[in-house]
Amino acid sequence: MNQRLLAEMEQIPEIAEILHHENFLKLRTYTHHGRITRKDHTLQVAEIVFASSRRRGLDYISATRGALLHDFFFYNWRFEGRKLHAFKHPSIACKNAIEVFGINAIEQDAILRHMWPLTITPPRYHESMLVCMADKAAALNDYSSNVRFIKIPRIAFARKYN
C-alpha cells in the first residue's frame, strides 16, 4: 500500500467515511484473490483510481468511493454464492453500498460495471471505466504475487536442435 496516498484519501471526509466504517473494515476477514484480503484488494484499486482520476481532472472522490465499494459484499465467494458470482456480485455490492452509504450515480455505475467486459454493459463514466481497469490491474497483481516461477528443465531434443 502507498501510505502517502492512503493518508491523502483519509483527509477527504467522503472517502474517510468508508475507510473507517465497520462494514468496510469487515472486508479484511475475507480472502479475495489468492491470499490477499478483499479490503486490501479494494484499497489497491482505490489508490490507482484516486491518483489517476485526480491527475485527469475527473471526479476523484466519486471514483475513489466507487473503487472502495466495488466488492462490498459479505460472503466467501469460493464457497457461498459461487455459481455465477462474477455476474452477481456487482449488484449485491451496489445494493449494500446504497444501503450503507447512499452512493451517487457515478459510484453506482463504477460498482455495477467493474466486471466489464465479462458483463455486457460497459461503464458509462470515465470514473467508472477507471475503476474497471484498476480492478483488472490489481487482480493481476494479487494473483501474480502468489505465482512461483519454476525452472523448467531443458528437454533432451531441445538441446539437439539449439
C-alpha atoms as a PDB file:
ATOM      1  CA  MET A   1       0.000   0.000   0.000  1.00  0.00           C
ATOM      2  CA  ASN A   2       1.081   3.510  -0.740  1.00  0.00           C
ATOM      3  CA  GLN A   3       0.916   5.149   2.688  1.00  0.00           C
ATOM      4  CA  ARG A   4       1.123   8.676   1.251  1.00  0.00           C
ATOM      5  CA  LEU A   5      -1.907   8.133  -0.998  1.00  0.00           C
ATOM      6  CA  LEU A   6      -3.824   6.430   1.791  1.00  0.00           C
ATOM      7  CA  ALA A   7      -3.099   9.377   4.101  1.00  0.00           C
ATOM      8  CA  GLU A   8      -4.325  11.792   1.409  1.00  0.00           C
ATOM      9  CA  MET A   9      -7.513   9.772   0.941  1.00  0.00           C
ATOM     10  CA  GLU A  10      -8.148   9.791   4.700  1.00  0.00           C
ATOM     11  CA  GLN A  11      -8.141  13.613   4.637  1.00  0.00           C
ATOM     12  CA  ILE A  12     -11.250  13.651   2.443  1.00  0.00           C
ATOM     13  CA  PRO A  13     -14.341  13.152   4.651  1.00  0.00           C
ATOM     14  CA  GLU A  14     -16.408  11.374   1.977  1.00  0.00           C
ATOM     15  CA  ILE A  15     -13.635   8.809   1.487  1.00  0.00           C
ATOM     16  CA  ALA A  16     -12.659   8.543   5.164  1.00  0.00           C
ATOM     17  CA  GLU A  17     -16.302   7.732   5.931  1.00  0.00           C
ATOM     18  CA  ILE A  18     -15.842   4.468   4.021  1.00  0.00           C
ATOM     19  CA  LEU A  19     -12.279   3.711   5.117  1.00  0.00           C
ATOM     20  CA  HIS A  20     -13.237   3.793   8.810  1.00  0.00           C
ATOM     21  CA  HIS A  21     -16.700   2.254   8.584  1.00  0.00           C
ATOM     22  CA  GLU A  22     -17.124  -1.030  10.472  1.00  0.00           C
ATOM     23  CA  ASN A  23     -18.679  -2.760   7.439  1.00  0.00           C
ATOM     24  CA  PHE A  24     -15.776  -1.799   5.195  1.00  0.00           C
ATOM     25  CA  LEU A  25     -13.321  -2.997   7.834  1.00  0.00           C
ATOM     26  CA  LYS A  26     -15.098  -6.397   7.843  1.00  0.00           C
ATOM     27  CA  LEU A  27     -13.739  -6.965   4.336  1.00  0.00           C
ATOM     28  CA  ARG A  28     -10.371  -7.791   5.906  1.00  0.00           C
ATOM     29  CA  THR A  29     -11.855 -11.106   7.083  1.00  0.00           C
ATOM     30  CA  TYR A  30     -12.402 -12.380   3.517  1.00  0.00           C
ATOM     31  CA  THR A  31      -9.632 -13.605   1.255  1.00  0.00           C
ATOM     32  CA  HIS A  32     -10.205 -12.489  -2.287  1.00  0.00           C
ATOM     33  CA  HIS A  33      -7.605 -13.134  -4.980  1.00  0.00           C
ATOM     34  CA  GLY A  34      -5.039 -15.649  -3.872  1.00  0.00           C
ATOM     35  CA  ARG A  35      -4.099 -14.760  -0.319  1.00  0.00           C
ATOM     36  CA  ILE A  36      -4.931 -11.058  -0.337  1.00  0.00           C
ATOM     37  CA  THR A  37      -7.927  -9.816   1.635  1.00  0.00           C
ATOM     38  CA  ARG A  38     -10.850  -8.123  -0.061  1.00  0.00           C
ATOM     39  CA  LYS A  39     -10.093  -4.963   1.964  1.00  0.00           C
ATOM     40  CA  ASP A  40      -6.505  -4.837   0.712  1.00  0.00           C
ATOM     41  CA  HIS A  41      -7.624  -5.504  -2.851  1.00  0.00           C
ATOM     42  CA  THR A  42     -10.140  -2.639  -2.759  1.00  0.00           C
ATOM     43  CA  LEU A  43      -7.509  -0.342  -1.253  1.00  0.00           C
ATOM     44  CA  GLN A  44      -5.161  -1.163  -4.147  1.00  0.00           C
ATOM     45  CA  VAL A  45      -7.909  -0.378  -6.655  1.00  0.00           C
ATOM     46  CA  ALA A  46      -8.776   2.838  -4.790  1.00  0.00           C
ATOM     47  CA  GLU A  47      -5.158   4.033  -4.758  1.00  0.00           C
ATOM     48  CA  ILE A  48      -4.841   3.570  -8.519  1.00  0.00           C
ATOM     49  CA  VAL A  49      -8.180   5.283  -9.142  1.00  0.00           C
ATOM     50  CA  PHE A  50      -7.525   8.135  -6.688  1.00  0.00           C
ATOM     51  CA  ALA A  51      -4.206   9.055  -8.315  1.00  0.00           C
ATOM     52  CA  SER A  52      -5.378   8.532 -11.916  1.00  0.00           C
ATOM     53  CA  SER A  53      -8.696  10.354 -11.645  1.00  0.00           C
ATOM     54  CA  ARG A  54      -7.138  13.322  -9.855  1.00  0.00           C
ATOM     55  CA  ARG A  55      -4.421  13.579 -12.497  1.00  0.00           C
ATOM     56  CA  ARG A  56      -7.072  13.506 -15.245  1.00  0.00           C
ATOM     57  CA  GLY A  57      -9.279  16.150 -13.587  1.00  0.00           C
ATOM     58  CA  LEU A  58     -12.170  13.740 -13.019  1.00  0.00           C
ATOM     59  CA  ASP A  59     -14.499  13.402 -10.038  1.00  0.00           C
ATOM     60  CA  TYR A  60     -11.834  11.637  -7.972  1.00  0.00           C
ATOM     61  CA  ILE A  61     -13.975  11.488  -4.830  1.00  0.00           C
ATOM     62  CA  SER A  62     -16.809   9.566  -6.513  1.00  0.00           C
ATOM     63  CA  ALA A  63     -14.311   7.436  -8.435  1.00  0.00           C
ATOM     64  CA  THR A  64     -12.430   6.507  -5.257  1.00  0.00           C
ATOM     65  CA  ARG A  65     -15.626   5.776  -3.340  1.00  0.00           C
ATOM     66  CA  GLY A  66     -16.747   3.508  -6.191  1.00  0.00           C
ATOM     67  CA  ALA A  67     -13.378   1.759  -6.116  1.00  0.00           C
ATOM     68  CA  LEU A  68     -13.584   1.198  -2.363  1.00  0.00           C
ATOM     69  CA  LEU A  69     -17.090  -0.235  -2.663  1.00  0.00           C
ATOM     70  CA  HIS A  70     -16.811  -2.263  -5.875  1.00  0.00           C
ATOM     71  CA  ASP A  71     -16.500  -5.547  -3.929  1.00  0.00           C
ATOM     72  CA  PHE A  72     -18.647  -4.551  -0.934  1.00  0.00           C
ATOM     73  CA  PHE A  73     -20.249  -7.954  -0.302  1.00  0.00           C
ATOM     74  CA  PHE A  74     -20.027 -10.164   2.763  1.00  0.00           C
ATOM     75  CA  TYR A  75     -19.584 -13.795   1.826  1.00  0.00           C
ATOM     76  CA  ASN A  76     -16.714 -16.011   0.741  1.00  0.00           C
ATOM     77  CA  TRP A  77     -17.320 -16.342  -2.989  1.00  0.00           C
ATOM     78  CA  ARG A  78     -15.300 -19.559  -3.197  1.00  0.00           C
ATOM     79  CA  PHE A  79     -17.866 -21.407  -1.073  1.00  0.00           C
ATOM     80  CA  GLU A  80     -21.050 -19.331  -0.944  1.00  0.00           C
ATOM     81  CA  GLY A  81     -22.710 -17.857  -3.991  1.00  0.00           C
ATOM     82  CA  ARG A  82     -20.030 -19.373  -6.205  1.00  0.00           C
ATOM     83  CA  LYS A  83     -22.367 -20.064  -9.094  1.00  0.00           C
ATOM     84  CA  LEU A  84     -22.226 -17.040 -11.410  1.00  0.00           C
ATOM     85  CA  HIS A  85     -20.512 -14.976  -8.698  1.00  0.00           C
ATOM     86  CA  ALA A  86     -18.695 -12.804 -11.248  1.00  0.00           C
ATOM     87  CA  PHE A  87     -22.033 -11.765 -12.733  1.00  0.00           C
ATOM     88  CA  LYS A  88     -23.968 -11.372  -9.475  1.00  0.00           C
ATOM     89  CA  HIS A  89     -21.618  -9.697  -7.005  1.00  0.00           C
ATOM     90  CA  PRO A  90     -21.640  -6.214  -8.609  1.00  0.00           C
ATOM     91  CA  SER A  91     -25.383  -5.813  -7.967  1.00  0.00           C
ATOM     92  CA  ILE A  92     -25.008  -7.229  -4.439  1.00  0.00           C
ATOM     93  CA  ALA A  93     -22.151  -4.808  -3.699  1.00  0.00           C
ATOM     94  CA  CYS A  94     -24.124  -1.899  -5.156  1.00  0.00           C
ATOM     95  CA  LYS A  95     -27.196  -2.716  -3.086  1.00  0.00           C
ATOM     96  CA  ASN A  96     -25.048  -2.882   0.072  1.00  0.00           C
ATOM     97  CA  ALA A  97     -23.306   0.404  -0.795  1.00  0.00           C
ATOM     98  CA  ILE A  98     -26.621   2.184  -1.383  1.00  0.00           C
ATOM     99  CA  GLU A  99     -27.994   0.958   1.949  1.00  0.00           C
ATOM    100  CA  VAL A 100     -24.911   1.887   3.965  1.00  0.00           C
ATOM    101  CA  PHE A 101     -23.525   4.969   2.186  1.00  0.00           C
ATOM    102  CA  GLY A 102     -26.239   6.367  -0.122  1.00  0.00           C
ATOM    103  CA  ILE A 103     -23.988   6.478  -3.186  1.00  0.00           C
ATOM    104  CA  ASN A 104     -24.347   8.683  -6.280  1.00  0.00           C
ATOM    105  CA  ALA A 105     -24.756   7.710  -9.970  1.00  0.00           C
ATOM    106  CA  ILE A 106     -21.020   7.588 -10.757  1.00  0.00           C
ATOM    107  CA  GLU A 107     -20.344   5.409  -7.726  1.00  0.00           C
ATOM    108  CA  GLN A 108     -23.219   3.089  -8.634  1.00  0.00           C
ATOM    109  CA  ASP A 109     -22.007   2.769 -12.211  1.00  0.00           C
ATOM    110  CA  ALA A 110     -18.443   2.045 -11.052  1.00  0.00           C
ATOM    111  CA  ILE A 111     -19.670  -0.773  -8.819  1.00  0.00           C
ATOM    112  CA  LEU A 112     -22.169  -2.246 -11.275  1.00  0.00           C
ATOM    113  CA  ARG A 113     -19.837  -2.120 -14.300  1.00  0.00           C
ATOM    114  CA  HIS A 114     -16.459  -3.058 -12.796  1.00  0.00           C
ATOM    115  CA  MET A 115     -16.646  -6.595 -14.238  1.00  0.00           C
ATOM    116  CA  TRP A 116     -16.951  -5.403 -17.860  1.00  0.00           C
ATOM    117  CA  PRO A 117     -16.317  -6.914 -20.416  1.00  0.00           C
ATOM    118  CA  LEU A 118     -17.390 -10.092 -18.618  1.00  0.00           C
ATOM    119  CA  THR A 119     -20.705  -8.375 -18.009  1.00  0.00           C
ATOM    120  CA  ILE A 120     -22.361  -6.937 -21.091  1.00  0.00           C
ATOM    121  CA  THR A 121     -22.925  -3.257 -20.286  1.00  0.00           C
ATOM    122  CA  PRO A 122     -19.765  -1.099 -20.364  1.00  0.00           C
ATOM    123  CA  PRO A 123     -19.081   1.657 -17.834  1.00  0.00           C
ATOM    124  CA  ARG A 124     -20.944   4.907 -18.558  1.00  0.00           C
ATOM    125  CA  TYR A 125     -18.493   7.379 -16.973  1.00  0.00           C
ATOM    126  CA  HIS A 126     -14.740   7.896 -17.259  1.00  0.00           C
ATOM    127  CA  GLU A 127     -14.502   7.388 -13.486  1.00  0.00           C
ATOM    128  CA  SER A 128     -16.227   4.008 -13.637  1.00  0.00           C
ATOM    129  CA  MET A 129     -14.023   2.896 -16.548  1.00  0.00           C
ATOM    130  CA  LEU A 130     -11.006   3.731 -14.382  1.00  0.00           C
ATOM    131  CA  VAL A 131     -12.415   1.549 -11.589  1.00  0.00           C
ATOM    132  CA  CYS A 132     -12.941  -1.270 -14.085  1.00  0.00           C
ATOM    133  CA  MET A 133      -9.374  -1.075 -15.420  1.00  0.00           C
ATOM    134  CA  ALA A 134      -7.797  -0.583 -11.985  1.00  0.00           C
ATOM    135  CA  ASP A 135      -9.667  -3.650 -10.728  1.00  0.00           C
ATOM    136  CA  LYS A 136      -8.129  -5.730 -13.545  1.00  0.00           C
ATOM    137  CA  ALA A 137      -4.652  -4.396 -12.787  1.00  0.00           C
ATOM    138  CA  ALA A 138      -4.986  -5.004  -9.045  1.00  0.00           C
ATOM    139  CA  ALA A 139      -6.391  -8.510  -9.586  1.00  0.00           C
ATOM    140  CA  LEU A 140      -3.449  -9.356 -11.841  1.00  0.00           C
ATOM    141  CA  ASN A 141      -1.095  -8.048  -9.167  1.00  0.00           C
ATOM    142  CA  ASP A 142      -2.949 -10.014  -6.458  1.00  0.00           C
ATOM    143  CA  TYR A 143      -2.658 -13.300  -8.315  1.00  0.00           C
ATOM    144  CA  SER A 144       0.861 -12.789  -9.657  1.00  0.00           C
ATOM    145  CA  SER A 145       2.211 -12.223  -6.144  1.00  0.00           C
ATOM    146  CA  ASN A 146       1.271 -15.853  -5.424  1.00  0.00           C
ATOM    147  CA  VAL A 147       2.846 -17.348  -8.542  1.00  0.00           C
ATOM    148  CA  ARG A 148       6.076 -19.186  -8.080  1.00  0.00           C
ATOM    149  CA  PHE A 149       8.315 -19.244 -11.076  1.00  0.00           C
ATOM    150  CA  ILE A 150       9.864 -22.618 -11.571  1.00  0.00           C
ATOM    151  CA  LYS A 151      12.830 -23.526 -13.653  1.00  0.00           C
ATOM    152  CA  ILE A 152      11.704 -25.799 -16.440  1.00  0.00           C
ATOM    153  CA  PRO A 153      14.296 -28.450 -17.287  1.00  0.00           C
ATOM    154  CA  ARG A 154      15.534 -28.465 -20.842  1.00  0.00           C
ATOM    155  CA  ILE A 155      14.157 -31.287 -22.869  1.00  0.00           C
ATOM    156  CA  ALA A 156      16.721 -33.567 -24.478  1.00  0.00           C
ATOM    157  CA  PHE A 157      15.574 -32.936 -28.071  1.00  0.00           C
ATOM    158  CA  ALA A 158      15.705 -29.178 -27.490  1.00  0.00           C
ATOM    159  CA  ARG A 159      19.481 -29.410 -26.936  1.00  0.00           C
ATOM    160  CA  LYS A 160      19.821 -31.319 -30.156  1.00  0.00           C
ATOM    161  CA  TYR A 161      18.203 -28.528 -32.204  1.00  0.00           C
ATOM    162  CA  ASN A 162      19.749 -25.495 -30.439  1.00  0.00           C
END
